[in-house]
Amino acid sequence: MRLAKKLNAQITTIHAYKVPITAATDLNPTVYVAIDNATQQNEFADYKKHAHDLRKIAEENNLEEVLVNHNLTQGFTIDEILVYAMNEDIDLIIMGTKGAKGLAGFLWGSHATSVLSKAPCPVLIVPKNTVNNQINKIAYATNFDEPNKGNIEDVLGFAFAFEAELKLLHIALLEESWDKNKIEHLQHLTKISNNLHGVDLDIIDGQHVIAAINQYVETKGIDMLVMFKHDKPFLDRLFTQSNTETISNQAKIPLLVFSEQ
């Protein structure tokens, strides 16, 4: 809600539910209708309670002016989120993670794959164990492979909205190869960091992307990590299944994934 207030935005919560499927084939149609109605009533009652809790949180934190809408729908969660985002021209999807698997479990789940690959807008993933709700320092992890140099404007706009410092971060690996495109992007980001106050370019040597980013986040006090979803090789290296334990242990800050332009 603080994010919405900062961005002068309104919030829509979405709760999708599924009607229980029965194996019986000889049930009267009226029975199915009754099951559907009962499920809808139960889901509505539960959703209403959560909406009340959210309103209470807003009042306790002086955020009553943030407009919050609620959408209860029947269907598969991810499908309903994506359809709503496209139909309503949503600017940002926010999803939380829970349980021991943390961010790694979310990213490797089928739901996350669908959201990150199909969402028409940026996706903000917030781990359950996030310890700081203030966004003062943002790190944009890049492999210098962006197809559009204008993508950096999205990151800058988000950082400026929070009046946050922006760190342009690149982990330089020993086996990394440099082509003309990557060099041009490096030069472009170097120019931005030199001309804009509060924007720094950091190139860190490292053998492992995971360890290097974790160390950077800890030492620099980063509050949010930003990436673009088209940078698939970088995402693959960052969230490989062999590193899930490391990621889950370090998943203490939100991850913002932008769509490519």
C-alpha atoms as a PDB file:
ATOM      1  CA  MET A   1       0.000   0.000   0.000  1.00  0.00           C
ATOM      2  CA  ARG A   2       2.947   2.310   0.612  1.00  0.00           C
ATOM      3  CA  LEU A   3       4.084   1.506  -2.909  1.00  0.00           C
ATOM      4  CA  ALA A   4       0.680   2.496  -4.306  1.00  0.00           C
ATOM      5  CA  LYS A   5       0.728   5.748  -2.352  1.00  0.00           C
ATOM      6  CA  LYS A   6       4.213   6.541  -3.572  1.00  0.00           C
ATOM      7  CA  LEU A   7       3.210   5.922  -7.186  1.00  0.00           C
ATOM      8  CA  ASN A   8      -0.207   7.592  -6.809  1.00  0.00           C
ATOM      9  CA  ALA A   9      -1.831   4.322  -7.868  1.00  0.00           C
ATOM     10  CA  GLN A  10      -4.832   2.270  -6.859  1.00  0.00           C
ATOM     11  CA  ILE A  11      -4.803  -1.407  -5.897  1.00  0.00           C
ATOM     12  CA  THR A  12      -6.923  -4.295  -7.099  1.00  0.00           C
ATOM     13  CA  THR A  13      -6.664  -7.543  -5.175  1.00  0.00           C
ATOM     14  CA  ILE A  14      -7.566 -10.714  -7.048  1.00  0.00           C
ATOM     15  CA  HIS A  15      -8.727 -13.971  -5.537  1.00  0.00           C
ATOM     16  CA  ALA A  16      -9.521 -16.845  -7.894  1.00  0.00           C
ATOM     17  CA  TYR A  17     -11.161 -20.005  -6.654  1.00  0.00           C
ATOM     18  CA  LYS A  18     -12.080 -23.362  -8.176  1.00  0.00           C
ATOM     19  CA  VAL A  19     -15.248 -25.331  -7.549  1.00  0.00           C
ATOM     20  CA  PRO A  20     -14.451 -28.791  -6.104  1.00  0.00           C
ATOM     21  CA  ILE A  21     -14.508 -31.486  -8.765  1.00  0.00           C
ATOM     22  CA  THR A  22     -16.390 -34.651  -7.918  1.00  0.00           C
ATOM     23  CA  ALA A  23     -15.800 -38.000  -9.556  1.00  0.00           C
ATOM     24  CA  ALA A  24     -19.463 -38.845  -9.490  1.00  0.00           C
ATOM     25  CA  THR A  25     -21.146 -38.738 -12.885  1.00  0.00           C
ATOM     26  CA  ASP A  26     -24.738 -39.328 -11.895  1.00  0.00           C
ATOM     27  CA  LEU A  27     -25.288 -36.224  -9.783  1.00  0.00           C
ATOM     28  CA  ASN A  28     -28.282 -34.107 -10.597  1.00  0.00           C
ATOM     29  CA  PRO A  29     -27.328 -30.751 -12.237  1.00  0.00           C
ATOM     30  CA  THR A  30     -28.973 -28.954  -9.335  1.00  0.00           C
ATOM     31  CA  VAL A  31     -26.418 -30.556  -7.037  1.00  0.00           C
ATOM     32  CA  TYR A  32     -23.562 -29.068  -9.051  1.00  0.00           C
ATOM     33  CA  VAL A  33     -25.275 -25.680  -8.871  1.00  0.00           C
ATOM     34  CA  ALA A  34     -25.615 -26.048  -5.113  1.00  0.00           C
ATOM     35  CA  ILE A  35     -21.926 -26.930  -4.777  1.00  0.00           C
ATOM     36  CA  ASP A  36     -21.010 -23.943  -6.940  1.00  0.00           C
ATOM     37  CA  ASN A  37     -23.138 -21.581  -4.882  1.00  0.00           C
ATOM     38  CA  ALA A  38     -21.846 -22.911  -1.566  1.00  0.00           C
ATOM     39  CA  THR A  39     -18.250 -22.592  -2.717  1.00  0.00           C
ATOM     40  CA  GLN A  40     -18.827 -19.057  -3.917  1.00  0.00           C
ATOM     41  CA  GLN A  41     -20.440 -18.048  -0.625  1.00  0.00           C
ATOM     42  CA  ASN A  42     -17.588 -19.540   1.414  1.00  0.00           C
ATOM     43  CA  GLU A  43     -14.938 -17.906  -0.756  1.00  0.00           C
ATOM     44  CA  PHE A  44     -16.737 -14.563  -0.583  1.00  0.00           C
ATOM     45  CA  ALA A  45     -16.945 -14.708   3.214  1.00  0.00           C
ATOM     46  CA  ASP A  46     -13.242 -15.501   3.492  1.00  0.00           C
ATOM     47  CA  TYR A  47     -12.307 -12.838   0.938  1.00  0.00           C
ATOM     48  CA  LYS A  48     -14.450 -10.272   2.749  1.00  0.00           C
ATOM     49  CA  LYS A  49     -12.549 -10.977   5.959  1.00  0.00           C
ATOM     50  CA  HIS A  50      -9.202 -10.448   4.238  1.00  0.00           C
ATOM     51  CA  ALA A  51     -10.481  -7.223   2.697  1.00  0.00           C
ATOM     52  CA  HIS A  52     -11.441  -6.031   6.180  1.00  0.00           C
ATOM     53  CA  ASP A  53      -7.967  -6.926   7.480  1.00  0.00           C
ATOM     54  CA  LEU A  54      -6.384  -4.984   4.635  1.00  0.00           C
ATOM     55  CA  ARG A  55      -8.494  -1.965   5.444  1.00  0.00           C
ATOM     56  CA  LYS A  56      -7.426  -2.179   9.077  1.00  0.00           C
ATOM     57  CA  ILE A  57      -3.771  -2.231   8.012  1.00  0.00           C
ATOM     58  CA  ALA A  58      -4.383   0.875   5.914  1.00  0.00           C
ATOM     59  CA  GLU A  59      -5.929   2.708   8.854  1.00  0.00           C
ATOM     60  CA  GLU A  60      -3.097   1.739  11.195  1.00  0.00           C
ATOM     61  CA  ASN A  61      -0.516   3.081   8.729  1.00  0.00           C
ATOM     62  CA  ASN A  62      -2.315   6.260   7.609  1.00  0.00           C
ATOM     63  CA  LEU A  63      -2.924   4.854   4.138  1.00  0.00           C
ATOM     64  CA  GLU A  64      -6.707   5.225   4.005  1.00  0.00           C
ATOM     65  CA  GLU A  65      -6.491   7.416   0.899  1.00  0.00           C
ATOM     66  CA  VAL A  66      -5.164   4.506  -1.175  1.00  0.00           C
ATOM     67  CA  LEU A  67      -8.056   3.163  -3.239  1.00  0.00           C
ATOM     68  CA  VAL A  68      -8.368  -0.617  -2.976  1.00  0.00           C
ATOM     69  CA  ASN A  69     -10.671  -2.662  -5.205  1.00  0.00           C
ATOM     70  CA  HIS A  70     -11.387  -6.368  -4.791  1.00  0.00           C
ATOM     71  CA  ASN A  71     -12.060  -8.889  -7.515  1.00  0.00           C
ATOM     72  CA  LEU A  72     -13.392 -12.367  -6.677  1.00  0.00           C
ATOM     73  CA  THR A  73     -13.518 -14.687  -9.661  1.00  0.00           C
ATOM     74  CA  GLN A  74     -13.852 -18.357 -10.481  1.00  0.00           C
ATOM     75  CA  GLY A  75     -10.996 -19.918 -12.399  1.00  0.00           C
ATOM     76  CA  PHE A  76      -7.300 -20.720 -12.305  1.00  0.00           C
ATOM     77  CA  THR A  77      -5.296 -18.145 -10.373  1.00  0.00           C
ATOM     78  CA  ILE A  78      -2.608 -17.394 -12.938  1.00  0.00           C
ATOM     79  CA  ASP A  79      -5.031 -17.318 -15.862  1.00  0.00           C
ATOM     80  CA  GLU A  80      -7.309 -14.895 -14.054  1.00  0.00           C
ATOM     81  CA  ILE A  81      -4.409 -12.631 -13.089  1.00  0.00           C
ATOM     82  CA  LEU A  82      -3.096 -12.463 -16.641  1.00  0.00           C
ATOM     83  CA  VAL A  83      -6.530 -11.895 -18.186  1.00  0.00           C
ATOM     84  CA  TYR A  84      -7.346  -9.150 -15.707  1.00  0.00           C
ATOM     85  CA  ALA A  85      -3.960  -7.483 -16.219  1.00  0.00           C
ATOM     86  CA  MET A  86      -4.453  -7.401 -19.988  1.00  0.00           C
ATOM     87  CA  ASN A  87      -8.111  -6.353 -19.961  1.00  0.00           C
ATOM     88  CA  GLU A  88      -7.667  -3.616 -17.365  1.00  0.00           C
ATOM     89  CA  ASP A  89      -4.289  -2.352 -18.646  1.00  0.00           C
ATOM     90  CA  ILE A  90      -2.636  -3.006 -15.281  1.00  0.00           C
ATOM     91  CA  ASP A  91       0.715  -1.269 -14.697  1.00  0.00           C
ATOM     92  CA  LEU A  92       2.216  -3.668 -12.144  1.00  0.00           C
ATOM     93  CA  ILE A  93       1.486  -7.173 -10.839  1.00  0.00           C
ATOM     94  CA  ILE A  94       2.567  -7.896  -7.266  1.00  0.00           C
ATOM     95  CA  MET A  95       2.865 -11.463  -6.005  1.00  0.00           C
ATOM     96  CA  GLY A  96       4.096 -12.732  -2.673  1.00  0.00           C
ATOM     97  CA  THR A  97       5.915 -15.908  -1.802  1.00  0.00           C
ATOM     98  CA  LYS A  98       5.452 -18.062   1.249  1.00  0.00           C
ATOM     99  CA  GLY A  99       6.914 -21.174   2.793  1.00  0.00           C
ATOM    100  CA  ALA A 100      10.469 -22.453   3.061  1.00  0.00           C
ATOM    101  CA  LYS A 101      11.087 -22.464  -0.687  1.00  0.00           C
ATOM    102  CA  GLY A 102      10.994 -18.682  -0.779  1.00  0.00           C
ATOM    103  CA  LEU A 103      11.866 -16.881  -3.984  1.00  0.00           C
ATOM    104  CA  ALA A 104      13.568 -19.847  -5.594  1.00  0.00           C
ATOM    105  CA  GLY A 105      10.541 -22.066  -5.150  1.00  0.00           C
ATOM    106  CA  PHE A 106       8.345 -19.385  -6.621  1.00  0.00           C
ATOM    107  CA  LEU A 107      10.546 -18.812  -9.650  1.00  0.00           C
ATOM    108  CA  TRP A 108      10.776 -22.500 -10.411  1.00  0.00           C
ATOM    109  CA  GLY A 109       7.064 -23.111 -10.062  1.00  0.00           C
ATOM    110  CA  SER A 110       4.770 -23.292 -13.062  1.00  0.00           C
ATOM    111  CA  HIS A 111       2.824 -20.284 -11.787  1.00  0.00           C
ATOM    112  CA  ALA A 112       5.880 -18.063 -11.773  1.00  0.00           C
ATOM    113  CA  THR A 113       6.963 -19.205 -15.203  1.00  0.00           C
ATOM    114  CA  SER A 114       3.559 -18.286 -16.592  1.00  0.00           C
ATOM    115  CA  VAL A 115       3.448 -14.898 -14.910  1.00  0.00           C
ATOM    116  CA  LEU A 116       6.973 -13.818 -15.806  1.00  0.00           C
ATOM    117  CA  SER A 117       6.743 -15.038 -19.400  1.00  0.00           C
ATOM    118  CA  LYS A 118       3.229 -13.818 -20.228  1.00  0.00           C
ATOM    119  CA  ALA A 119       2.567 -10.780 -18.073  1.00  0.00           C
ATOM    120  CA  PRO A 120       1.964  -7.617 -20.128  1.00  0.00           C
ATOM    121  CA  CYS A 121       3.487  -5.478 -17.400  1.00  0.00           C
ATOM    122  CA  PRO A 122       6.253  -5.590 -14.763  1.00  0.00           C
ATOM    123  CA  VAL A 123       5.978  -8.200 -12.006  1.00  0.00           C
ATOM    124  CA  LEU A 124       7.071  -7.505  -8.442  1.00  0.00           C
ATOM    125  CA  ILE A 125       7.815 -10.612  -6.361  1.00  0.00           C
ATOM    126  CA  VAL A 126       7.923 -10.052  -2.608  1.00  0.00           C
ATOM    127  CA  PRO A 127       9.385 -12.830  -0.419  1.00  0.00           C
ATOM    128  CA  LYS A 128       7.600 -13.617   2.816  1.00  0.00           C
ATOM    129  CA  ASN A 129      10.744 -12.885   4.829  1.00  0.00           C
ATOM    130  CA  THR A 130      11.277  -9.412   3.389  1.00  0.00           C
ATOM    131  CA  VAL A 131      12.689  -7.423   6.286  1.00  0.00           C
ATOM    132  CA  ASN A 132      12.512  -3.856   4.976  1.00  0.00           C
ATOM    133  CA  ASN A 133       9.525  -2.040   3.476  1.00  0.00           C
ATOM    134  CA  GLN A 134      11.491   1.081   2.563  1.00  0.00           C
ATOM    135  CA  ILE A 135      12.952   1.343  -0.946  1.00  0.00           C
ATOM    136  CA  ASN A 136      16.064   3.510  -0.678  1.00  0.00           C
ATOM    137  CA  LYS A 137      18.560   1.579  -2.821  1.00  0.00           C
ATOM    138  CA  ILE A 138      17.735  -0.323  -6.007  1.00  0.00           C
ATOM    139  CA  ALA A 139      20.144  -2.573  -7.887  1.00  0.00           C
ATOM    140  CA  TYR A 140      19.527  -3.181 -11.588  1.00  0.00           C
ATOM    141  CA  ALA A 141      21.337  -6.418 -12.480  1.00  0.00           C
ATOM    142  CA  THR A 142      22.199  -6.439 -16.167  1.00  0.00           C
ATOM    143  CA  ASN A 143      24.142  -8.651 -18.537  1.00  0.00           C
ATOM    144  CA  PHE A 144      24.416  -5.786 -21.066  1.00  0.00           C
ATOM    145  CA  ASP A 145      22.234  -7.774 -23.490  1.00  0.00           C
ATOM    146  CA  GLU A 146      19.168  -5.521 -23.506  1.00  0.00           C
ATOM    147  CA  PRO A 147      17.628  -5.369 -26.992  1.00  0.00           C
ATOM    148  CA  ASN A 148      16.471  -1.793 -26.358  1.00  0.00           C
ATOM    149  CA  LYS A 149      18.585   0.838 -24.638  1.00  0.00           C
ATOM    150  CA  GLY A 150      15.341   2.640 -23.771  1.00  0.00           C
ATOM    151  CA  ASN A 151      14.555  -0.085 -21.216  1.00  0.00           C
ATOM    152  CA  ILE A 152      16.761   1.676 -18.708  1.00  0.00           C
ATOM    153  CA  GLU A 153      14.237   4.535 -18.685  1.00  0.00           C
ATOM    154  CA  ASP A 154      11.702   2.221 -17.015  1.00  0.00           C
ATOM    155  CA  VAL A 155      14.179   1.441 -14.256  1.00  0.00           C
ATOM    156  CA  LEU A 156      15.129   5.090 -13.845  1.00  0.00           C
ATOM    157  CA  GLY A 157      11.483   6.110 -13.616  1.00  0.00           C
ATOM    158  CA  PHE A 158      10.830   3.582 -10.871  1.00  0.00           C
ATOM    159  CA  ALA A 159      13.920   4.653  -8.915  1.00  0.00           C
ATOM    160  CA  PHE A 160      13.110   8.344  -9.238  1.00  0.00           C
ATOM    161  CA  ALA A 161       9.551   7.753  -8.029  1.00  0.00           C
ATOM    162  CA  PHE A 162      11.023   6.450  -4.767  1.00  0.00           C
ATOM    163  CA  GLU A 163      13.836   9.003  -4.726  1.00  0.00           C
ATOM    164  CA  ALA A 164      16.063   5.954  -4.400  1.00  0.00           C
ATOM    165  CA  GLU A 165      19.680   5.441  -5.310  1.00  0.00           C
ATOM    166  CA  LEU A 166      20.116   3.264  -8.395  1.00  0.00           C
ATOM    167  CA  LYS A 167      23.014   0.848  -8.768  1.00  0.00           C
ATOM    168  CA  LEU A 168      23.636  -0.486 -12.281  1.00  0.00           C
ATOM    169  CA  LEU A 169      25.181  -3.846 -11.481  1.00  0.00           C
ATOM    170  CA  HIS A 170      27.062  -6.222 -13.752  1.00  0.00           C
ATOM    171  CA  ILE A 171      28.782  -9.399 -12.602  1.00  0.00           C
ATOM    172  CA  ALA A 172      31.784  -9.975 -14.867  1.00  0.00           C
ATOM    173  CA  LEU A 173      32.577 -13.678 -15.166  1.00  0.00           C
ATOM    174  CA  LEU A 174      35.865 -15.062 -16.393  1.00  0.00           C
ATOM    175  CA  GLU A 175      34.234 -16.916 -19.288  1.00  0.00           C
ATOM    176  CA  GLU A 176      32.151 -13.927 -20.351  1.00  0.00           C
ATOM    177  CA  SER A 177      32.420 -12.873 -23.989  1.00  0.00           C
ATOM    178  CA  TRP A 178      31.964  -9.284 -25.142  1.00  0.00           C
ATOM    179  CA  ASP A 179      30.460  -8.321 -28.486  1.00  0.00           C
ATOM    180  CA  LYS A 180      29.732  -4.945 -30.050  1.00  0.00           C
ATOM    181  CA  ASN A 181      26.205  -4.827 -28.620  1.00  0.00           C
ATOM    182  CA  LYS A 182      27.335  -5.427 -25.036  1.00  0.00           C
ATOM    183  CA  ILE A 183      30.081  -2.838 -25.329  1.00  0.00           C
ATOM    184  CA  GLU A 184      27.582  -0.271 -26.636  1.00  0.00           C
ATOM    185  CA  HIS A 185      25.262  -0.962 -23.707  1.00  0.00           C
ATOM    186  CA  LEU A 186      28.148  -0.593 -21.289  1.00  0.00           C
ATOM    187  CA  GLN A 187      29.015   2.766 -22.808  1.00  0.00           C
ATOM    188  CA  HIS A 188      25.345   3.828 -22.675  1.00  0.00           C
ATOM    189  CA  LEU A 189      24.971   2.960 -18.982  1.00  0.00           C
ATOM    190  CA  THR A 190      28.331   4.545 -18.186  1.00  0.00           C
ATOM    191  CA  LYS A 191      27.109   7.801 -19.721  1.00  0.00           C
ATOM    192  CA  ILE A 192      23.892   7.636 -17.663  1.00  0.00           C
ATOM    193  CA  SER A 193      25.754   7.027 -14.414  1.00  0.00           C
ATOM    194  CA  ASN A 194      28.100   9.938 -15.142  1.00  0.00           C
ATOM    195  CA  ASN A 195      25.300  12.374 -15.933  1.00  0.00           C
ATOM    196  CA  LEU A 196      22.659  11.508 -13.321  1.00  0.00           C
ATOM    197  CA  HIS A 197      22.992  12.098  -9.600  1.00  0.00           C
ATOM    198  CA  GLY A 198      22.307   9.023  -7.483  1.00  0.00           C
ATOM    199  CA  VAL A 199      23.048   6.555 -10.294  1.00  0.00           C
ATOM    200  CA  ASP A 200      26.216   4.459 -10.116  1.00  0.00           C
ATOM    201  CA  LEU A 201      27.634   1.750 -12.357  1.00  0.00           C
ATOM    202  CA  ASP A 202      29.325  -1.152 -10.574  1.00  0.00           C
ATOM    203  CA  ILE A 203      31.097  -3.953 -12.427  1.00  0.00           C
ATOM    204  CA  ILE A 204      32.032  -6.745 -10.042  1.00  0.00           C
ATOM    205  CA  ASP A 205      34.375  -9.591 -10.873  1.00  0.00           C
ATOM    206  CA  GLY A 206      33.092 -12.944  -9.727  1.00  0.00           C
ATOM    207  CA  GLN A 207      33.113 -16.656 -10.408  1.00  0.00           C
ATOM    208  CA  HIS A 208      29.506 -17.225  -9.333  1.00  0.00           C
ATOM    209  CA  VAL A 209      26.634 -14.863 -10.114  1.00  0.00           C
ATOM    210  CA  ILE A 210      24.602 -15.940  -7.084  1.00  0.00           C
ATOM    211  CA  ALA A 211      27.355 -15.350  -4.560  1.00  0.00           C
ATOM    212  CA  ALA A 212      28.382 -12.056  -6.131  1.00  0.00           C
ATOM    213  CA  ILE A 213      24.864 -10.627  -6.147  1.00  0.00           C
ATOM    214  CA  ASN A 214      24.148 -11.823  -2.610  1.00  0.00           C
ATOM    215  CA  GLN A 215      27.331 -10.199  -1.357  1.00  0.00           C
ATOM    216  CA  TYR A 216      26.595  -7.001  -3.232  1.00  0.00           C
ATOM    217  CA  VAL A 217      23.056  -6.829  -1.835  1.00  0.00           C
ATOM    218  CA  GLU A 218      24.338  -7.327   1.700  1.00  0.00           C
ATOM    219  CA  THR A 219      27.287  -4.935   1.557  1.00  0.00           C
ATOM    220  CA  LYS A 220      25.470  -2.159  -0.301  1.00  0.00           C
ATOM    221  CA  GLY A 221      22.233  -2.446   1.668  1.00  0.00           C
ATOM    222  CA  ILE A 222      20.113  -3.005  -1.446  1.00  0.00           C
ATOM    223  CA  ASP A 223      16.337  -2.920  -0.902  1.00  0.00           C
ATOM    224  CA  MET A 224      15.182  -4.187  -4.313  1.00  0.00           C
ATOM    225  CA  LEU A 225      16.675  -6.139  -7.206  1.00  0.00           C
ATOM    226  CA  VAL A 226      15.558  -5.288 -10.760  1.00  0.00           C
ATOM    227  CA  MET A 227      15.937  -7.314 -13.950  1.00  0.00           C
ATOM    228  CA  PHE A 228      14.393  -7.602 -17.419  1.00  0.00           C
ATOM    229  CA  LYS A 229      12.695 -10.862 -18.313  1.00  0.00           C
ATOM    230  CA  HIS A 230      14.235 -11.004 -21.801  1.00  0.00           C
ATOM    231  CA  ASP A 231      17.630 -11.539 -20.166  1.00  0.00           C
ATOM    232  CA  LYS A 232      16.923 -15.267 -19.956  1.00  0.00           C
ATOM    233  CA  PRO A 233      20.557 -16.506 -19.803  1.00  0.00           C
ATOM    234  CA  PHE A 234      21.156 -14.224 -16.839  1.00  0.00           C
ATOM    235  CA  LEU A 235      17.932 -15.316 -15.131  1.00  0.00           C
ATOM    236  CA  ASP A 236      18.849 -18.961 -15.753  1.00  0.00           C
ATOM    237  CA  ARG A 237      22.229 -18.487 -14.121  1.00  0.00           C
ATOM    238  CA  LEU A 238      20.715 -16.561 -11.244  1.00  0.00           C
ATOM    239  CA  PHE A 239      17.936 -19.042 -10.490  1.00  0.00           C
ATOM    240  CA  THR A 240      19.244 -22.449 -11.513  1.00  0.00           C
ATOM    241  CA  GLN A 241      17.774 -25.335  -9.540  1.00  0.00           C
ATOM    242  CA  SER A 242      21.188 -26.259  -8.187  1.00  0.00           C
ATOM    243  CA  ASN A 243      21.199 -22.909  -6.376  1.00  0.00           C
ATOM    244  CA  THR A 244      17.712 -23.027  -4.903  1.00  0.00           C
ATOM    245  CA  GLU A 245      18.920 -23.435  -1.337  1.00  0.00           C
ATOM    246  CA  THR A 246      21.230 -20.447  -1.660  1.00  0.00           C
ATOM    247  CA  ILE A 247      18.494 -18.310  -3.163  1.00  0.00           C
ATOM    248  CA  SER A 248      15.906 -19.243  -0.559  1.00  0.00           C
ATOM    249  CA  ASN A 249      18.323 -18.348   2.222  1.00  0.00           C
ATOM    250  CA  GLN A 250      19.075 -14.972   0.678  1.00  0.00           C
ATOM    251  CA  ALA A 251      15.595 -14.036  -0.571  1.00  0.00           C
ATOM    252  CA  LYS A 252      15.033 -11.091   1.730  1.00  0.00           C
ATOM    253  CA  ILE A 253      14.377  -8.327  -0.785  1.00  0.00           C
ATOM    254  CA  PRO A 254      11.759  -7.911  -3.536  1.00  0.00           C
ATOM    255  CA  LEU A 255      12.552  -8.770  -7.151  1.00  0.00           C
ATOM    256  CA  LEU A 256      11.079  -6.518  -9.868  1.00  0.00           C
ATOM    257  CA  VAL A 257      11.013  -8.077 -13.343  1.00  0.00           C
ATOM    258  CA  PHE A 258      10.282  -5.720 -16.229  1.00  0.00           C
ATOM    259  CA  SER A 259       8.820  -6.713 -19.564  1.00  0.00           C
ATOM    260  CA  GLU A 260      10.893  -5.822 -22.594  1.00  0.00           C
ATOM    261  CA  GLN A 261       9.679  -2.958 -24.726  1.00  0.00           C
END
